[in-house]
Amino acid sequence: MTDKELFWVRLKGPSHFAHATAQDMARLMDQKRLSKKRAAMINRLADGYFRDIMQLFTVSEMARIVKTWLTVYHIPLDPDLLTTFTEYHILVGRHITIIGRDLQPY
């Protein structure tokens, strides 16, 4: 991200980032069925977004962003295809375990 893009992301906040990025990934999804090629493209895109949220947001904001992707937009993320998932899980996994079902999406 450029400095200008980072400025606007910080200004608009995590809620806007969660929905804007989810809409980008949702555009790649086919309504009838998801091909392997499209699933790989979605996971590559999500990988970049995971890097961005780990740099820009707090742990609770990161968890809420990903919960928004999974519950509101039903983005089919595969942890095995995400190179940043292990790092994300180390940062956020304990928080999710503690908060559990009380974590609300944006």
N, C-alpha and C. Protein backbone atom coordinates (compact mmCIF):
# COMPACT_ATOMS: atom_id res chain seq x y z
N MET A 1 0.84 -1.18 0.00
CA MET A 1 0.00 0.00 0.00
C MET A 1 0.88 1.24 0.00
N THR A 2 0.40 2.24 -0.70
CA THR A 2 1.12 3.50 -0.71
C THR A 2 0.80 4.26 0.57
N ASP A 3 1.57 5.29 0.84
CA ASP A 3 1.32 6.10 2.03
C ASP A 3 -0.07 6.74 1.99
N LYS A 4 -0.49 7.15 0.81
CA LYS A 4 -1.81 7.76 0.67
C LYS A 4 -2.91 6.74 0.98
N GLU A 5 -2.76 5.52 0.48
CA GLU A 5 -3.75 4.47 0.76
C GLU A 5 -3.79 4.13 2.25
N LEU A 6 -2.61 4.05 2.88
CA LEU A 6 -2.55 3.78 4.31
C LEU A 6 -3.25 4.87 5.11
N PHE A 7 -3.05 6.11 4.71
CA PHE A 7 -3.71 7.23 5.38
C PHE A 7 -5.23 7.08 5.33
N TRP A 8 -5.76 6.76 4.15
CA TRP A 8 -7.21 6.64 4.01
C TRP A 8 -7.76 5.43 4.75
N VAL A 9 -7.00 4.33 4.77
CA VAL A 9 -7.44 3.15 5.51
C VAL A 9 -7.53 3.47 6.99
N ARG A 10 -6.52 4.13 7.51
CA ARG A 10 -6.54 4.49 8.93
C ARG A 10 -7.65 5.48 9.24
N LEU A 11 -7.90 6.39 8.33
CA LEU A 11 -8.94 7.40 8.54
C LEU A 11 -10.34 6.77 8.51
N LYS A 12 -10.58 5.87 7.59
CA LYS A 12 -11.91 5.25 7.46
C LYS A 12 -12.15 4.17 8.50
N GLY A 13 -11.10 3.52 8.97
CA GLY A 13 -11.22 2.57 10.07
C GLY A 13 -11.39 1.13 9.65
N PRO A 14 -11.39 0.23 10.64
CA PRO A 14 -11.44 -1.20 10.36
C PRO A 14 -12.77 -1.68 9.78
N SER A 15 -13.86 -1.03 10.14
CA SER A 15 -15.16 -1.45 9.61
C SER A 15 -15.20 -1.28 8.10
N HIS A 16 -14.77 -0.14 7.62
CA HIS A 16 -14.74 0.12 6.18
C HIS A 16 -13.79 -0.85 5.49
N PHE A 17 -12.62 -1.07 6.09
CA PHE A 17 -11.64 -1.99 5.51
C PHE A 17 -12.23 -3.40 5.41
N ALA A 18 -12.91 -3.85 6.46
CA ALA A 18 -13.49 -5.20 6.47
C ALA A 18 -14.48 -5.39 5.32
N HIS A 19 -15.37 -4.43 5.14
CA HIS A 19 -16.39 -4.57 4.11
C HIS A 19 -15.83 -4.35 2.71
N ALA A 20 -14.94 -3.39 2.54
CA ALA A 20 -14.37 -3.13 1.21
C ALA A 20 -13.54 -4.31 0.72
N THR A 21 -12.73 -4.89 1.59
CA THR A 21 -11.90 -6.03 1.17
C THR A 21 -12.76 -7.27 0.94
N ALA A 22 -13.78 -7.46 1.76
CA ALA A 22 -14.67 -8.61 1.57
C ALA A 22 -15.42 -8.50 0.24
N GLN A 23 -15.80 -7.30 -0.11
CA GLN A 23 -16.49 -7.11 -1.39
C GLN A 23 -15.56 -7.40 -2.55
N ASP A 24 -14.28 -7.04 -2.42
CA ASP A 24 -13.29 -7.38 -3.45
C ASP A 24 -13.19 -8.88 -3.62
N MET A 25 -13.11 -9.61 -2.51
CA MET A 25 -13.01 -11.07 -2.59
C MET A 25 -14.31 -11.69 -3.08
N ALA A 26 -15.44 -11.13 -2.69
CA ALA A 26 -16.75 -11.68 -3.09
C ALA A 26 -16.96 -11.54 -4.59
N ARG A 27 -16.37 -10.51 -5.20
CA ARG A 27 -16.51 -10.34 -6.65
C ARG A 27 -15.90 -11.51 -7.41
N LEU A 28 -14.91 -12.15 -6.83
CA LEU A 28 -14.25 -13.28 -7.49
C LEU A 28 -15.05 -14.58 -7.36
N MET A 29 -15.99 -14.60 -6.45
CA MET A 29 -16.77 -15.82 -6.23
C MET A 29 -17.86 -15.96 -7.27
N ASP A 30 -18.03 -17.16 -7.80
CA ASP A 30 -19.10 -17.47 -8.73
C ASP A 30 -20.27 -17.97 -7.90
N GLN A 31 -21.47 -17.54 -8.19
CA GLN A 31 -22.62 -17.91 -7.38
C GLN A 31 -22.94 -19.40 -7.44
N LYS A 32 -22.78 -20.02 -8.59
CA LYS A 32 -23.14 -21.43 -8.73
C LYS A 32 -22.12 -22.36 -8.09
N ARG A 33 -20.86 -22.18 -8.42
CA ARG A 33 -19.82 -22.99 -7.78
C ARG A 33 -18.50 -22.26 -7.89
N LEU A 34 -17.61 -22.59 -7.00
CA LEU A 34 -16.32 -21.91 -6.92
C LEU A 34 -15.26 -22.82 -7.54
N SER A 35 -14.65 -22.37 -8.62
CA SER A 35 -13.61 -23.17 -9.25
C SER A 35 -12.33 -23.11 -8.41
N LYS A 36 -11.45 -24.07 -8.63
CA LYS A 36 -10.18 -24.10 -7.89
C LYS A 36 -9.34 -22.88 -8.21
N LYS A 37 -9.40 -22.42 -9.45
CA LYS A 37 -8.63 -21.25 -9.86
C LYS A 37 -9.11 -20.00 -9.11
N ARG A 38 -10.41 -19.83 -9.04
CA ARG A 38 -10.96 -18.67 -8.33
C ARG A 38 -10.70 -18.75 -6.83
N ALA A 39 -10.77 -19.95 -6.28
CA ALA A 39 -10.49 -20.13 -4.85
C ALA A 39 -9.04 -19.76 -4.55
N ALA A 40 -8.13 -20.15 -5.44
CA ALA A 40 -6.72 -19.79 -5.26
C ALA A 40 -6.52 -18.28 -5.37
N MET A 41 -7.25 -17.65 -6.29
CA MET A 41 -7.15 -16.19 -6.45
C MET A 41 -7.67 -15.48 -5.19
N ILE A 42 -8.77 -15.97 -4.65
CA ILE A 42 -9.33 -15.38 -3.43
C ILE A 42 -8.35 -15.51 -2.28
N ASN A 43 -7.72 -16.68 -2.15
CA ASN A 43 -6.77 -16.89 -1.06
C ASN A 43 -5.51 -16.05 -1.23
N ARG A 44 -5.06 -15.84 -2.47
CA ARG A 44 -3.91 -14.95 -2.69
C ARG A 44 -4.26 -13.51 -2.31
N LEU A 45 -5.45 -13.08 -2.69
CA LEU A 45 -5.92 -11.74 -2.34
C LEU A 45 -6.05 -11.61 -0.82
N ALA A 46 -6.64 -12.62 -0.19
CA ALA A 46 -6.80 -12.61 1.27
C ALA A 46 -5.46 -12.59 1.97
N ASP A 47 -4.47 -13.27 1.41
CA ASP A 47 -3.14 -13.29 1.99
C ASP A 47 -2.56 -11.86 2.10
N GLY A 48 -2.74 -11.09 1.05
CA GLY A 48 -2.30 -9.70 1.08
C GLY A 48 -3.07 -8.89 2.10
N TYR A 49 -4.37 -9.13 2.19
CA TYR A 49 -5.19 -8.42 3.17
C TYR A 49 -4.81 -8.80 4.60
N PHE A 50 -4.45 -10.08 4.82
CA PHE A 50 -3.99 -10.49 6.15
C PHE A 50 -2.73 -9.72 6.53
N ARG A 51 -1.81 -9.56 5.59
CA ARG A 51 -0.59 -8.78 5.88
C ARG A 51 -0.95 -7.35 6.26
N ASP A 52 -1.88 -6.77 5.52
CA ASP A 52 -2.29 -5.39 5.79
C ASP A 52 -2.94 -5.25 7.16
N ILE A 53 -3.86 -6.15 7.52
CA ILE A 53 -4.53 -5.99 8.81
C ILE A 53 -3.59 -6.22 9.97
N MET A 54 -2.58 -7.08 9.78
CA MET A 54 -1.62 -7.32 10.86
C MET A 54 -0.74 -6.10 11.10
N GLN A 55 -0.55 -5.29 10.08
CA GLN A 55 0.25 -4.07 10.23
C GLN A 55 -0.57 -2.88 10.72
N LEU A 56 -1.84 -2.85 10.39
CA LEU A 56 -2.63 -1.64 10.61
C LEU A 56 -3.53 -1.65 11.84
N PHE A 57 -3.99 -2.81 12.28
CA PHE A 57 -5.05 -2.84 13.27
C PHE A 57 -4.65 -3.60 14.53
N THR A 58 -5.44 -3.40 15.59
CA THR A 58 -5.22 -4.10 16.85
C THR A 58 -5.71 -5.54 16.72
N VAL A 59 -5.42 -6.35 17.73
CA VAL A 59 -5.79 -7.76 17.70
C VAL A 59 -7.30 -7.94 17.62
N SER A 60 -8.05 -7.20 18.42
CA SER A 60 -9.51 -7.35 18.38
C SER A 60 -10.08 -6.89 17.04
N GLU A 61 -9.51 -5.84 16.46
CA GLU A 61 -9.97 -5.38 15.15
C GLU A 61 -9.65 -6.42 14.07
N MET A 62 -8.47 -7.04 14.17
CA MET A 62 -8.12 -8.09 13.20
C MET A 62 -9.12 -9.23 13.27
N ALA A 63 -9.45 -9.67 14.47
CA ALA A 63 -10.38 -10.78 14.64
C ALA A 63 -11.76 -10.42 14.09
N ARG A 64 -12.20 -9.21 14.34
CA ARG A 64 -13.52 -8.78 13.85
C ARG A 64 -13.56 -8.66 12.34
N ILE A 65 -12.46 -8.22 11.74
CA ILE A 65 -12.39 -8.12 10.27
C ILE A 65 -12.54 -9.50 9.65
N VAL A 66 -11.78 -10.47 10.15
CA VAL A 66 -11.84 -11.82 9.59
C VAL A 66 -13.20 -12.46 9.86
N LYS A 67 -13.78 -12.20 11.02
CA LYS A 67 -15.12 -12.74 11.30
C LYS A 67 -16.14 -12.14 10.34
N THR A 68 -15.98 -10.89 9.98
CA THR A 68 -16.86 -10.26 8.99
C THR A 68 -16.73 -10.98 7.65
N TRP A 69 -15.49 -11.25 7.23
CA TRP A 69 -15.28 -11.96 5.97
C TRP A 69 -15.98 -13.30 5.97
N LEU A 70 -15.86 -14.03 7.10
CA LEU A 70 -16.35 -15.40 7.15
C LEU A 70 -17.86 -15.49 7.37
N THR A 71 -18.41 -14.63 8.20
CA THR A 71 -19.83 -14.77 8.55
C THR A 71 -20.77 -13.91 7.70
N VAL A 72 -20.36 -12.72 7.37
CA VAL A 72 -21.24 -11.84 6.60
C VAL A 72 -21.14 -12.13 5.10
N TYR A 73 -19.90 -12.28 4.60
CA TYR A 73 -19.70 -12.46 3.16
C TYR A 73 -19.44 -13.91 2.76
N HIS A 74 -19.25 -14.80 3.73
CA HIS A 74 -19.01 -16.23 3.48
C HIS A 74 -17.85 -16.46 2.50
N ILE A 75 -16.75 -15.76 2.75
CA ILE A 75 -15.55 -15.92 1.92
C ILE A 75 -14.91 -17.27 2.26
N PRO A 76 -14.65 -18.12 1.26
CA PRO A 76 -14.11 -19.45 1.52
C PRO A 76 -12.59 -19.43 1.67
N LEU A 77 -12.11 -19.11 2.85
CA LEU A 77 -10.68 -19.05 3.08
C LEU A 77 -10.14 -20.43 3.47
N ASP A 78 -9.01 -20.80 2.89
CA ASP A 78 -8.36 -22.07 3.21
C ASP A 78 -7.05 -21.77 3.92
N PRO A 79 -6.94 -22.07 5.21
CA PRO A 79 -5.71 -21.76 5.96
C PRO A 79 -4.47 -22.40 5.37
N ASP A 80 -4.62 -23.54 4.69
CA ASP A 80 -3.47 -24.20 4.09
C ASP A 80 -2.89 -23.42 2.92
N LEU A 81 -3.71 -22.60 2.27
CA LEU A 81 -3.26 -21.81 1.12
C LEU A 81 -2.79 -20.41 1.51
N LEU A 82 -3.00 -20.02 2.74
CA LEU A 82 -2.60 -18.69 3.20
C LEU A 82 -1.22 -18.76 3.84
N THR A 83 -0.27 -18.02 3.29
CA THR A 83 1.08 -18.05 3.86
C THR A 83 1.18 -17.26 5.16
N THR A 84 0.27 -16.33 5.37
CA THR A 84 0.31 -15.49 6.57
C THR A 84 -0.58 -16.03 7.69
N PHE A 85 -1.25 -17.15 7.47
CA PHE A 85 -2.20 -17.64 8.46
C PHE A 85 -1.53 -18.01 9.79
N THR A 86 -0.36 -18.64 9.73
CA THR A 86 0.32 -19.04 10.97
C THR A 86 0.64 -17.82 11.82
N GLU A 87 1.17 -16.78 11.19
CA GLU A 87 1.48 -15.55 11.92
C GLU A 87 0.21 -14.91 12.48
N TYR A 88 -0.86 -14.89 11.68
CA TYR A 88 -2.14 -14.35 12.14
C TYR A 88 -2.67 -15.16 13.32
N HIS A 89 -2.58 -16.48 13.23
CA HIS A 89 -3.09 -17.34 14.29
C HIS A 89 -2.32 -17.12 15.60
N ILE A 90 -1.01 -16.91 15.51
CA ILE A 90 -0.21 -16.64 16.70
C ILE A 90 -0.67 -15.34 17.36
N LEU A 91 -0.94 -14.33 16.54
CA LEU A 91 -1.36 -13.03 17.07
C LEU A 91 -2.79 -13.04 17.62
N VAL A 92 -3.69 -13.70 16.93
CA VAL A 92 -5.12 -13.55 17.21
C VAL A 92 -5.74 -14.79 17.85
N GLY A 93 -5.15 -15.94 17.69
CA GLY A 93 -5.76 -17.19 18.14
C GLY A 93 -6.16 -17.19 19.61
N ARG A 94 -5.29 -16.73 20.46
CA ARG A 94 -5.59 -16.69 21.89
C ARG A 94 -6.76 -15.74 22.19
N HIS A 95 -6.77 -14.61 21.51
CA HIS A 95 -7.84 -13.63 21.69
C HIS A 95 -9.19 -14.24 21.31
N ILE A 96 -9.22 -14.97 20.20
CA ILE A 96 -10.47 -15.60 19.75
C ILE A 96 -10.91 -16.66 20.75
N THR A 97 -9.95 -17.42 21.29
CA THR A 97 -10.28 -18.45 22.27
C THR A 97 -10.88 -17.85 23.52
N ILE A 98 -10.36 -16.72 23.97
CA ILE A 98 -10.85 -16.07 25.17
C ILE A 98 -12.21 -15.42 24.94
N ILE A 99 -12.35 -14.68 23.86
CA ILE A 99 -13.59 -13.96 23.58
C ILE A 99 -14.68 -14.92 23.10
N GLY A 100 -14.31 -15.86 22.25
CA GLY A 100 -15.24 -16.87 21.77
C GLY A 100 -16.38 -16.31 20.95
N ARG A 101 -17.57 -16.74 21.27
CA ARG A 101 -18.75 -16.38 20.48
C ARG A 101 -19.20 -14.94 20.67
N ASP A 102 -18.67 -14.25 21.64
CA ASP A 102 -19.06 -12.86 21.88
C ASP A 102 -18.47 -11.89 20.87
N LEU A 103 -17.52 -12.35 20.06
CA LEU A 103 -16.87 -11.51 19.06
C LEU A 103 -17.86 -11.21 17.95
N GLN A 104 -18.13 -9.93 17.72
CA GLN A 104 -19.11 -9.52 16.73
C GLN A 104 -18.42 -9.03 15.46
N PRO A 105 -18.96 -9.37 14.28
CA PRO A 105 -18.42 -8.82 13.04
C PRO A 105 -18.76 -7.35 12.93
N TYR A 106 -18.08 -6.65 12.01
CA TYR A 106 -18.39 -5.24 11.76
C TYR A 106 -19.64 -5.11 10.97
